[in-house]
Amino acid sequence: MFMMCVRALNINSPHINNVLVTNKNPLQVAVGVVKNATGQLLISRRDKSSHQGGLWEFPGGKIEAGETAEAALTRELKEELDIIVHTAMPLISIKHQYPGLAVQLHVFLVEHFSGKPKSCEGQPFKWADPAELTHYAFPEANRAIITAALLPPCYAILDDTDASQLVANLQCMLGKGIKLIQARLKRLAPKAVSRFVDEAYPLCRRQGALLLINSAVNIPDGLTTDGIHLTSRDLLAAHQRPESAQWVAASCHDLRELLQAQKIGVDFAVLAPVLPTQTHPGVRTLGWEQFTQLLAEVNLPVYALGGMSSSSLLTARLAGAQGIASIRAFLD
């Protein structure tokens, strides 16, 4: 299954961002989104006497001077829950300003660990289904973490260059385990869009996949999808998040568009072009270094688009991305 193609990194691997954290302003915190074999996520409740007391959170704690974020995560999860982290993957970095306290959260996805969690410091904890997370009160800084925890690492773009292959391409993507798909049907007439979505949406539902529709599509009334993907033009023209959409994504190419996406409250963004592509030769690309620099300015899950292949997924995650987006990578 394509979604399982990213191997998690050993927590002691020299290949991850193993930079010593020395800047204590804002407060540096390591956070673990711990997932069990059934897909449930571990959450704990903060002591009422602490900052943001009584709210639920993902476990973790303060990074000590001279300590890496990965080392702090391993230490905190052992001290708090008596579990040993074997592998972790960078998920998202969040900067947030509370009244009187600035924090930066270095968040990792932890899918491989040993030990049975127990409360070593008296804090309540529980395993929660991802769909239930909205039922719990979390600190404001955790909102983007929850979204990142719910999103898969692969975002497939279903293009209608060859309309006769739309259903076959969709089935190919679903067969590879893709759980997030954008229907970019810019060439189809409204009736053809309706016919395709009427067939595609049930297919996605049966496979547990989300289907978003591109905002440039001539969308017929009453069309049922899981959300909308805003073009950069529609993003810049928007004054608020589309109210009727369950999921909202946006195409971005620079910091201005990323900040606009964050301002109106989109769930995630796609940033492009990262690498050269066959379809847009000669177009200036961001490269991984600039991609990472741009992501550091927003608290959003962001997919890397442009020149991506299945082998790009690990590189993208280490660069701070939620994962990769592509038209062709999931069809090869």
Protein backbone atom coordinates (compact mmCIF):
# COMPACT_ATOMS: atom_id res chain seq x y z
CA MET A 1 0.00 0.00 0.00
CA PHE A 2 1.44 3.37 -1.01
CA MET A 3 0.47 5.04 2.25
CA MET A 4 2.78 2.73 4.11
CA CYS A 5 5.78 3.52 1.94
CA VAL A 6 7.26 6.04 4.38
CA ARG A 7 9.46 4.28 6.89
CA ALA A 8 9.59 5.99 10.25
CA LEU A 9 13.00 7.12 11.40
CA ASN A 10 14.79 5.63 14.36
CA ILE A 11 14.66 8.20 17.12
CA ASN A 12 18.46 8.13 17.36
CA SER A 13 19.04 8.42 13.61
CA PRO A 14 21.64 11.01 12.58
CA HIS A 15 19.63 11.73 9.44
CA ILE A 16 16.80 13.61 11.12
CA ASN A 17 16.89 17.24 12.20
CA ASN A 18 19.00 16.53 15.26
CA VAL A 19 19.90 20.13 16.07
CA LEU A 20 20.42 21.07 19.70
CA VAL A 21 17.67 23.38 20.94
CA THR A 22 19.18 26.33 22.80
CA ASN A 23 16.66 29.13 22.21
CA LYS A 24 14.30 29.24 25.19
CA ASN A 25 12.24 32.15 23.93
CA PRO A 26 9.71 30.90 22.94
CA LEU A 27 9.42 27.87 25.21
CA GLN A 28 10.52 24.82 23.22
CA VAL A 29 8.31 21.73 23.63
CA ALA A 30 8.50 18.22 22.18
CA VAL A 31 5.13 16.60 21.42
CA GLY A 32 4.27 13.04 20.42
CA VAL A 33 1.21 12.03 18.43
CA VAL A 34 1.28 8.43 19.60
CA LYS A 35 -0.74 6.03 17.45
CA ASN A 36 -1.54 2.41 18.30
CA ALA A 37 -2.05 -0.52 15.94
CA THR A 38 -5.77 0.23 15.57
CA GLY A 39 -5.18 3.89 14.64
CA GLN A 40 -6.21 5.39 17.97
CA LEU A 41 -4.29 8.38 19.33
CA LEU A 42 -3.05 8.84 22.90
CA ILE A 43 -4.18 12.01 24.65
CA SER A 44 -3.70 13.14 28.24
CA ARG A 45 -5.26 15.86 30.39
CA ARG A 46 -3.19 18.66 31.85
CA ASP A 47 -3.13 19.18 35.59
CA LYS A 48 -5.57 21.92 36.59
CA SER A 49 -2.81 23.85 38.34
CA SER A 50 -0.66 24.10 35.18
CA HIS A 51 -0.86 26.50 32.23
CA GLN A 52 -3.93 25.56 30.16
CA GLY A 53 -4.87 23.26 33.03
CA GLY A 54 -7.76 20.84 32.58
CA LEU A 55 -7.45 20.72 28.80
CA TRP A 56 -6.53 17.63 26.82
CA GLU A 57 -3.28 17.49 24.87
CA PHE A 58 -0.89 15.22 23.07
CA PRO A 59 1.82 14.05 25.49
CA GLY A 60 5.26 15.59 25.64
CA GLY A 61 7.12 18.25 27.52
CA LYS A 62 9.75 20.95 27.72
CA ILE A 63 13.01 20.56 25.83
CA GLU A 64 15.91 21.05 28.19
CA ALA A 65 18.96 23.18 27.33
CA GLY A 66 21.40 21.23 25.17
CA GLU A 67 18.77 18.57 24.40
CA THR A 68 17.43 17.66 20.97
CA ALA A 69 13.70 17.62 20.35
CA GLU A 70 13.91 13.87 19.64
CA ALA A 71 15.75 13.16 22.87
CA ALA A 72 13.25 15.25 24.83
CA LEU A 73 10.36 13.36 23.26
CA THR A 74 11.88 10.00 24.22
CA ARG A 75 12.56 11.17 27.77
CA GLU A 76 9.16 12.77 28.32
CA LEU A 77 7.13 9.80 27.03
CA LYS A 78 9.15 7.47 29.24
CA GLU A 79 8.72 9.70 32.29
CA GLU A 80 5.02 10.42 31.72
CA LEU A 81 3.70 7.18 30.26
CA ASP A 82 6.45 4.56 30.69
CA ILE A 83 6.67 3.85 26.97
CA ILE A 84 9.86 3.61 24.93
CA VAL A 85 9.88 5.37 21.56
CA HIS A 86 11.51 3.29 18.83
CA THR A 87 10.71 5.35 15.76
CA ALA A 88 9.27 8.79 15.10
CA MET A 89 8.58 11.02 12.13
CA PRO A 90 8.46 14.84 12.12
CA LEU A 91 4.81 15.84 11.73
CA ILE A 92 4.49 19.61 12.14
CA SER A 93 6.07 22.54 13.95
CA ILE A 94 3.78 25.04 15.66
CA LYS A 95 4.56 28.52 16.97
CA HIS A 96 1.87 30.02 19.20
CA GLN A 97 1.55 33.06 21.43
CA TYR A 98 -0.61 32.60 24.53
CA PRO A 99 -1.17 35.58 26.85
CA GLY A 100 2.15 35.82 28.63
CA LEU A 101 3.69 32.71 27.06
CA ALA A 102 5.13 31.98 23.62
CA VAL A 103 5.64 28.31 22.70
CA GLN A 104 7.09 26.35 19.81
CA LEU A 105 5.88 22.78 19.53
CA HIS A 106 8.08 20.24 17.74
CA VAL A 107 5.56 17.52 16.90
CA PHE A 108 6.39 13.92 15.92
CA LEU A 109 4.26 11.01 14.83
CA VAL A 110 5.08 7.97 16.98
CA GLU A 111 3.78 4.70 15.55
CA HIS A 112 6.42 2.33 16.90
CA PHE A 113 6.95 2.08 20.63
CA SER A 114 7.12 -0.56 23.34
CA GLY A 115 5.48 -0.79 26.72
CA LYS A 116 1.89 -0.36 27.87
CA PRO A 117 1.10 3.28 28.64
CA LYS A 118 0.41 4.08 32.27
CA SER A 119 0.11 7.33 34.18
CA CYS A 120 3.45 7.86 35.90
CA GLU A 121 2.66 11.41 37.04
CA GLY A 122 -1.02 11.03 37.91
CA GLN A 123 -2.43 12.63 34.77
CA PRO A 124 -5.52 11.05 33.17
CA PHE A 125 -4.95 9.66 29.68
CA LYS A 126 -6.89 7.66 27.11
CA TRP A 127 -6.83 6.27 23.59
CA ALA A 128 -9.17 8.25 21.33
CA ASP A 129 -10.42 7.53 17.84
CA PRO A 130 -9.25 10.29 15.46
CA ALA A 131 -12.84 11.22 14.61
CA GLU A 132 -13.52 11.83 18.33
CA LEU A 133 -10.79 14.42 18.86
CA THR A 134 -13.15 17.32 18.18
CA HIS A 135 -15.14 16.24 21.25
CA TYR A 136 -12.27 17.15 23.57
CA ALA A 137 -11.12 20.61 24.67
CA PHE A 138 -7.52 21.16 23.55
CA PRO A 139 -5.22 24.20 23.90
CA GLU A 140 -5.40 26.57 20.94
CA ALA A 141 -1.92 25.58 19.75
CA ASN A 142 -3.08 21.97 19.30
CA ARG A 143 -5.64 22.68 16.57
CA ALA A 144 -3.18 22.37 13.69
CA ILE A 145 -1.70 19.27 15.33
CA ILE A 146 -5.10 17.60 15.35
CA THR A 147 -5.55 18.39 11.65
CA ALA A 148 -2.08 17.06 10.84
CA ALA A 149 -2.81 13.90 12.84
CA LEU A 150 -5.96 13.31 10.78
CA LEU A 151 -4.39 13.92 7.37
CA PRO A 152 -2.57 11.17 5.43
CA PRO A 153 0.92 11.64 3.95
CA CYS A 154 -0.25 11.48 0.32
CA TYR A 155 -2.56 13.86 -1.55
CA ALA A 156 -3.47 12.68 -5.04
CA ILE A 157 -4.63 15.08 -7.73
CA LEU A 158 -7.05 13.52 -10.19
CA ASP A 159 -6.67 15.42 -13.45
CA ASP A 160 -9.11 15.20 -16.38
CA THR A 161 -6.58 15.47 -19.21
CA ASP A 162 -7.98 12.15 -20.41
CA ALA A 163 -11.57 12.08 -19.18
CA SER A 164 -12.00 8.47 -20.32
CA GLN A 165 -9.42 7.39 -17.72
CA LEU A 166 -10.88 9.24 -14.74
CA VAL A 167 -12.59 6.27 -13.07
CA ALA A 168 -9.70 3.92 -13.82
CA ASN A 169 -7.19 6.41 -12.40
CA LEU A 170 -9.32 6.91 -9.31
CA GLN A 171 -9.52 3.16 -8.77
CA CYS A 172 -5.74 2.93 -9.19
CA MET A 173 -5.22 5.58 -6.50
CA LEU A 174 -7.66 3.96 -4.11
CA GLY A 175 -6.04 0.58 -4.76
CA LYS A 176 -2.71 2.03 -3.61
CA GLY A 177 -4.24 3.13 -0.33
CA ILE A 178 -4.55 6.84 -1.09
CA LYS A 179 -6.96 8.45 1.37
CA LEU A 180 -7.05 12.06 0.17
CA ILE A 181 -7.92 12.96 -3.43
CA GLN A 182 -8.60 16.22 -5.26
CA ALA A 183 -10.81 16.13 -8.33
CA ARG A 184 -9.35 18.77 -10.64
CA LEU A 185 -11.94 18.56 -13.42
CA LYS A 186 -11.40 21.87 -15.18
CA ARG A 187 -12.25 20.61 -18.68
CA LEU A 188 -15.48 18.73 -17.93
CA ALA A 189 -18.91 20.18 -18.48
CA PRO A 190 -21.13 20.41 -15.36
CA LYS A 191 -23.20 17.35 -16.30
CA ALA A 192 -20.04 15.29 -16.82
CA VAL A 193 -18.71 16.51 -13.46
CA SER A 194 -21.94 15.40 -11.79
CA ARG A 195 -21.85 11.99 -13.42
CA PHE A 196 -18.27 11.40 -12.40
CA VAL A 197 -18.67 12.59 -8.80
CA ASP A 198 -21.86 10.54 -8.40
CA GLU A 199 -19.75 7.47 -9.21
CA ALA A 200 -16.50 8.56 -7.55
CA TYR A 201 -17.80 9.70 -4.17
CA PRO A 202 -19.29 6.32 -3.15
CA LEU A 203 -16.05 4.61 -4.27
CA CYS A 204 -14.05 6.91 -2.02
CA ARG A 205 -16.43 6.44 0.89
CA ARG A 206 -16.11 2.67 0.70
CA GLN A 207 -12.31 2.99 0.87
CA GLY A 208 -12.35 5.57 3.67
CA ALA A 209 -10.93 8.26 1.36
CA LEU A 210 -11.80 11.95 1.22
CA LEU A 211 -12.75 13.54 -2.10
CA LEU A 212 -12.25 17.29 -2.56
CA ILE A 213 -13.30 19.31 -5.61
CA ASN A 214 -11.13 22.04 -7.13
CA SER A 215 -12.68 25.51 -6.93
CA ALA A 216 -11.98 26.13 -10.63
CA VAL A 217 -14.40 23.35 -11.53
CA ASN A 218 -17.79 24.41 -12.83
CA ILE A 219 -19.47 22.90 -9.78
CA PRO A 220 -23.12 21.91 -10.26
CA ASP A 221 -25.63 22.61 -7.49
CA GLY A 222 -26.08 19.80 -4.99
CA LEU A 223 -22.75 18.12 -5.71
CA THR A 224 -21.65 15.98 -2.74
CA THR A 225 -17.96 15.94 -1.86
CA ASP A 226 -15.90 16.16 1.35
CA GLY A 227 -14.66 19.67 0.68
CA ILE A 228 -13.08 22.16 -1.67
CA HIS A 229 -9.55 22.90 -2.85
CA LEU A 230 -9.10 26.62 -3.53
CA THR A 231 -6.94 27.75 -6.42
CA SER A 232 -4.43 30.45 -5.49
CA ARG A 233 -6.63 33.00 -7.28
CA ASP A 234 -9.72 31.99 -5.32
CA LEU A 235 -7.67 31.86 -2.12
CA LEU A 236 -6.48 35.45 -2.48
CA ALA A 237 -10.01 36.62 -3.31
CA ALA A 238 -11.51 34.92 -0.24
CA HIS A 239 -12.32 36.90 2.90
CA GLN A 240 -13.22 33.88 4.97
CA ARG A 241 -13.26 30.10 4.94
CA PRO A 242 -16.03 28.64 2.74
CA GLU A 243 -18.76 27.89 5.26
CA SER A 244 -20.33 24.84 3.66
CA ALA A 245 -17.12 22.82 3.19
CA GLN A 246 -16.09 20.17 5.68
CA TRP A 247 -12.47 20.26 4.47
CA VAL A 248 -10.81 23.28 2.85
CA ALA A 249 -7.43 23.16 1.11
CA ALA A 250 -5.56 25.76 -0.91
CA SER A 251 -2.85 26.01 -3.57
CA CYS A 252 0.05 28.26 -2.55
CA HIS A 253 3.27 29.36 -4.22
CA ASP A 254 4.76 31.90 -1.81
CA LEU A 255 4.56 33.28 1.72
CA ARG A 256 1.79 35.74 0.90
CA GLU A 257 -0.52 32.91 -0.18
CA LEU A 258 0.44 30.72 2.77
CA LEU A 259 -0.37 33.53 5.20
CA GLN A 260 -3.69 34.13 3.46
CA ALA A 261 -4.50 30.42 3.73
CA GLN A 262 -3.77 30.55 7.44
CA LYS A 263 -5.75 33.76 7.88
CA ILE A 264 -8.99 32.41 6.42
CA GLY A 265 -8.61 29.09 8.27
CA VAL A 266 -7.96 26.46 5.61
CA ASP A 267 -7.21 22.99 6.91
CA PHE A 268 -4.11 22.42 4.81
CA ALA A 269 -2.19 23.83 1.87
CA VAL A 270 -0.19 22.63 -1.10
CA LEU A 271 3.04 24.51 -1.81
CA ALA A 272 4.55 24.40 -5.30
CA PRO A 273 6.62 23.99 -7.31
CA VAL A 274 9.28 22.40 -5.12
CA LEU A 275 11.23 20.59 -7.86
CA PRO A 276 11.29 20.85 -11.69
CA THR A 277 8.45 19.15 -13.54
CA GLN A 278 8.02 17.81 -17.06
CA THR A 279 4.82 19.80 -17.55
CA HIS A 280 6.36 23.17 -16.57
CA PRO A 281 9.96 23.16 -17.79
CA GLY A 282 11.97 26.26 -16.95
CA VAL A 283 9.64 27.42 -14.17
CA ARG A 284 11.50 28.68 -11.11
CA THR A 285 11.30 26.17 -8.28
CA LEU A 286 11.48 26.59 -4.51
CA GLY A 287 13.85 23.77 -3.65
CA TRP A 288 13.71 22.00 -0.30
CA GLU A 289 15.59 24.69 1.66
CA GLN A 290 13.20 27.49 0.74
CA PHE A 291 10.25 25.12 1.15
CA THR A 292 11.28 24.50 4.76
CA GLN A 293 11.83 28.20 5.39
CA LEU A 294 8.32 29.05 4.16
CA LEU A 295 6.71 26.35 6.28
CA ALA A 296 8.37 27.78 9.38
CA GLU A 297 6.28 30.95 8.94
CA VAL A 298 2.86 29.28 9.25
CA ASN A 299 1.06 26.80 11.47
CA LEU A 300 -0.42 24.70 8.69
CA PRO A 301 -0.04 21.17 7.39
CA VAL A 302 1.50 21.65 3.95
CA TYR A 303 2.01 19.16 1.12
CA ALA A 304 4.94 19.46 -1.28
CA LEU A 305 3.95 19.57 -4.96
CA GLY A 306 6.06 19.63 -8.10
CA GLY A 307 8.45 16.92 -9.25
CA MET A 308 7.31 14.53 -6.54
CA SER A 309 7.59 10.74 -6.72
CA SER A 310 7.06 7.98 -4.19
CA SER A 311 10.73 8.28 -3.22
CA SER A 312 10.22 11.98 -2.38
CA LEU A 313 7.97 11.26 0.57
CA LEU A 314 10.64 10.76 3.19
CA THR A 315 12.55 13.85 2.03
CA ALA A 316 9.35 15.90 2.17
CA ARG A 317 8.52 14.79 5.70
CA LEU A 318 12.02 15.63 6.89
CA ALA A 319 11.67 19.05 5.26
CA GLY A 320 8.62 19.73 7.42
CA ALA A 321 5.88 18.74 4.98
CA GLN A 322 2.74 16.83 5.82
CA GLY A 323 3.61 14.72 2.79
CA ILE A 324 3.56 14.94 -0.99
CA ALA A 325 0.93 15.89 -3.55
CA SER A 326 1.07 14.70 -7.15
CA ILE A 327 -0.87 13.90 -10.26
CA ARG A 328 1.34 11.14 -11.68
CA ALA A 329 3.26 9.70 -8.71
CA PHE A 330 0.26 7.70 -7.55
CA LEU A 331 -0.48 6.28 -10.99
CA ASP A 332 2.99 4.96 -11.87
